[in-house]
């Protein structure tokens, strides 16, 4: 499977998860301890333009205000679905995965590395939303095997930047999703 199809596959499950979130669950705690459900959706929307711009190889300036200073979108499920569609469109082109791109700043990064990060955002934060709302999503094995490799490429950098917590220990024989989550500092067995 080409990298260009990975974002769409990850997005499909994320959209199913968003559809499964009830309005009474917006304040539920998530495994991403900084956010409740609505806060995590706000986080995805806040950084969304950078992900779309990276796929289009367009320089998107960093946000003018801190994430915490921006008011969350009231109808976040609709806004998040629209963001996911724009991201899938941007990363569906094979050229999005070649050369270098930017993620909301002047530093150039390999485009395929950024694309892998986008897939990781959709799967890992999708899992966060699902766990918080009592859902049990499934991603296909090929996508998860791909993601284990992609997350491993930038996991230490993510920890150094404070984006990921310390790696959680799981056996080498753990399911691929558990290995991805562990690399990002999440306990695969987190429960609300």
Protein backbone atom coordinates (compact mmCIF):
# COMPACT_ATOMS: atom_id res chain seq x y z
CA UNK A 1 0.00 0.00 0.00
CA UNK A 2 1.33 3.46 -0.83
CA UNK A 3 1.96 5.96 1.95
CA UNK A 4 -0.58 8.28 0.30
CA UNK A 5 -3.40 5.86 1.19
CA UNK A 6 -2.39 5.54 4.85
CA UNK A 7 -3.85 8.90 5.90
CA UNK A 8 -7.23 8.02 4.37
CA UNK A 9 -7.28 4.64 6.10
CA UNK A 10 -6.44 6.16 9.47
CA UNK A 11 -9.01 8.92 8.87
CA UNK A 12 -11.83 6.47 8.19
CA UNK A 13 -11.59 4.97 11.66
CA UNK A 14 -11.12 8.40 13.28
CA UNK A 15 -14.36 9.60 11.67
CA UNK A 16 -16.22 6.55 12.99
CA UNK A 17 -14.91 7.38 16.46
CA UNK A 18 -16.02 11.02 16.20
CA UNK A 19 -19.49 9.83 15.17
CA UNK A 20 -19.57 7.65 18.29
CA UNK A 21 -18.91 10.49 20.75
CA UNK A 22 -22.06 11.59 22.52
CA UNK A 23 -22.60 15.21 23.63
CA UNK A 24 -22.64 14.01 27.25
CA UNK A 25 -19.05 12.71 26.79
CA UNK A 26 -17.38 15.99 25.78
CA UNK A 27 -15.94 16.47 29.25
CA UNK A 28 -14.65 12.90 29.63
CA UNK A 29 -10.99 12.43 30.54
CA UNK A 30 -8.73 11.01 27.83
CA UNK A 31 -5.46 9.05 27.96
CA UNK A 32 -3.85 12.26 26.70
CA UNK A 33 -3.90 13.68 30.23
CA UNK A 34 -3.77 17.33 29.15
CA UNK A 35 -7.16 17.09 27.46
CA UNK A 36 -10.73 16.03 27.94
CA UNK A 37 -12.64 14.93 24.81
CA UNK A 38 -13.57 18.43 23.67
CA UNK A 39 -10.08 19.73 24.47
CA UNK A 40 -8.49 16.98 22.41
CA UNK A 41 -10.75 17.82 19.46
CA UNK A 42 -9.74 21.47 19.91
CA UNK A 43 -6.07 20.41 19.84
CA UNK A 44 -6.58 18.55 16.56
CA UNK A 45 -8.38 21.53 15.03
CA UNK A 46 -5.84 24.06 16.31
CA UNK A 47 -2.91 22.28 14.65
CA UNK A 48 -4.95 21.11 11.63
CA UNK A 49 -3.93 23.91 9.24
CA UNK A 50 -0.26 22.99 9.75
CA UNK A 51 -0.95 19.36 8.80
CA UNK A 52 -2.92 20.35 5.71
CA UNK A 53 -0.31 22.92 4.69
CA UNK A 54 2.47 20.36 5.10
CA UNK A 55 0.68 17.99 2.72
CA UNK A 56 0.27 20.77 0.16
CA UNK A 57 3.86 21.97 0.68
CA UNK A 58 2.51 25.37 1.67
CA UNK A 59 4.18 27.36 4.41
CA UNK A 60 1.64 27.88 7.17
CA UNK A 61 2.75 30.40 9.79
CA UNK A 62 2.70 29.26 13.40
CA UNK A 63 -0.51 30.14 15.23
CA UNK A 64 -0.58 33.73 16.48
CA UNK A 65 -2.00 32.70 19.86
CA UNK A 66 -1.32 29.80 22.19
CA UNK A 67 -3.66 26.83 21.89
CA UNK A 68 -5.04 27.54 25.36
CA UNK A 69 -5.86 31.14 24.38
CA UNK A 70 -8.09 30.18 21.45
CA UNK A 71 -11.76 29.50 22.13
CA UNK A 72 -12.77 25.92 21.18
CA UNK A 73 -15.16 25.50 18.25
CA UNK A 74 -18.73 24.92 19.45
CA UNK A 75 -19.63 22.29 16.82
CA UNK A 76 -16.33 20.46 17.03
CA UNK A 77 -17.58 17.15 15.55
CA UNK A 78 -18.51 18.86 12.25
CA UNK A 79 -15.37 21.01 12.26
CA UNK A 80 -13.18 17.98 12.97
CA UNK A 81 -14.76 15.98 10.13
CA UNK A 82 -14.11 18.88 7.74
CA UNK A 83 -10.51 19.13 8.94
CA UNK A 84 -9.98 15.40 8.46
CA UNK A 85 -11.35 15.63 4.90
CA UNK A 86 -8.96 18.51 4.07
CA UNK A 87 -6.04 16.60 5.54
CA UNK A 88 -6.85 13.43 3.60
CA UNK A 89 -7.17 15.45 0.39
CA UNK A 90 -3.81 17.16 0.95
CA UNK A 91 -1.97 13.92 1.71
CA UNK A 92 -3.70 11.81 -0.96
CA UNK A 93 -1.33 13.11 -3.63
CA UNK A 94 1.83 11.01 -3.99
CA UNK A 95 3.88 14.22 -4.35
CA UNK A 96 2.89 15.20 -0.80
CA UNK A 97 5.17 12.40 0.40
CA UNK A 98 8.27 13.41 -1.57
CA UNK A 99 10.96 15.95 -0.84
CA UNK A 100 10.65 18.21 2.17
CA UNK A 101 7.88 20.23 3.76
CA UNK A 102 7.18 22.49 6.75
CA UNK A 103 4.93 22.06 9.77
CA UNK A 104 4.01 25.57 10.80
CA UNK A 105 7.55 26.87 11.01
CA UNK A 106 10.72 27.48 9.03
CA UNK A 107 12.35 24.09 9.65
CA UNK A 108 12.22 21.72 6.69
CA UNK A 109 11.40 18.11 7.43
CA UNK A 110 11.26 15.06 5.16
CA UNK A 111 7.73 14.98 3.76
CA UNK A 112 7.35 11.24 4.31
CA UNK A 113 8.27 11.67 7.99
CA UNK A 114 5.60 14.36 8.39
CA UNK A 115 3.07 12.19 6.56
CA UNK A 116 3.80 9.38 9.01
CA UNK A 117 3.23 11.83 11.86
CA UNK A 118 -0.17 12.73 10.39
CA UNK A 119 -1.15 9.06 10.30
CA UNK A 120 0.04 8.79 13.90
CA UNK A 121 -2.03 11.81 14.96
CA UNK A 122 -5.17 10.26 13.50
CA UNK A 123 -4.62 6.83 15.03
CA UNK A 124 -3.22 7.80 18.44
CA UNK A 125 -5.63 10.66 19.10
CA UNK A 126 -8.43 8.54 17.64
CA UNK A 127 -7.56 5.89 20.21
CA UNK A 128 -7.53 8.59 22.91
CA UNK A 129 -11.05 9.67 21.94
CA UNK A 130 -12.26 6.09 21.69
CA UNK A 131 -10.92 5.06 25.09
CA UNK A 132 -12.42 8.15 26.68
CA UNK A 133 -15.85 7.39 25.25
CA UNK A 134 -16.00 3.62 25.65
CA UNK A 135 -15.47 2.75 22.00
CA UNK A 136 -13.39 -0.13 20.63
CA UNK A 137 -12.08 0.91 17.22
CA UNK A 138 -10.13 -1.33 14.90
CA UNK A 139 -7.39 -0.38 12.49
CA UNK A 140 -6.12 -2.82 9.92
CA UNK A 141 -2.88 -4.71 10.62
CA UNK A 142 -1.00 -3.24 7.65
CA UNK A 143 -1.70 0.30 8.80
CA UNK A 144 -0.61 -0.46 12.37
CA UNK A 145 2.58 -2.23 11.26
CA UNK A 146 3.41 0.82 9.14
CA UNK A 147 2.73 3.09 12.10
CA UNK A 148 5.02 1.17 14.49
CA UNK A 149 7.92 1.96 12.14
CA UNK A 150 6.85 5.59 11.59
CA UNK A 151 6.33 6.42 15.26
CA UNK A 152 9.65 4.79 16.18
CA UNK A 153 11.42 7.18 13.77
CA UNK A 154 10.40 10.27 15.74
CA UNK A 155 9.49 8.94 19.20
CA UNK A 156 12.65 10.11 20.94
CA UNK A 157 12.37 13.53 19.33
CA UNK A 158 8.75 13.66 20.49
CA UNK A 159 9.81 12.83 24.04
CA UNK A 160 12.59 15.44 23.91
CA UNK A 161 10.04 18.06 22.81
CA UNK A 162 7.55 17.08 25.51
CA UNK A 163 5.01 15.88 22.95
CA UNK A 164 5.26 12.27 24.13
CA UNK A 165 5.62 10.99 27.65
CA UNK A 166 8.24 8.45 28.67
CA UNK A 167 7.99 5.20 26.73
CA UNK A 168 5.76 2.62 28.39
CA UNK A 169 7.24 -0.84 28.56
CA UNK A 170 5.38 -3.49 26.56
CA UNK A 171 6.62 -6.87 25.34
CA UNK A 172 8.06 -7.13 21.83
CA UNK A 173 5.18 -9.53 21.12
CA UNK A 174 2.52 -6.95 22.08
CA UNK A 175 -0.01 -6.05 19.39
CA UNK A 176 1.16 -3.33 16.99
CA UNK A 177 -1.32 -0.79 18.39
CA UNK A 178 0.03 -1.34 21.90
CA UNK A 179 3.61 -0.81 20.66
CA UNK A 180 2.58 2.44 18.94
CA UNK A 181 0.82 3.68 22.06
CA UNK A 182 3.74 2.70 24.29
CA UNK A 183 6.16 4.63 22.07
CA UNK A 184 4.03 7.74 22.59
CA UNK A 185 4.01 7.29 26.36
CA UNK A 186 0.49 5.90 26.61
CA UNK A 187 -0.59 2.91 28.65
CA UNK A 188 -2.37 0.61 26.18
CA UNK A 189 -4.58 -0.56 29.04
CA UNK A 190 -5.70 2.93 30.12
CA UNK A 191 -9.30 2.97 31.34
CA UNK A 192 -11.56 5.84 32.31
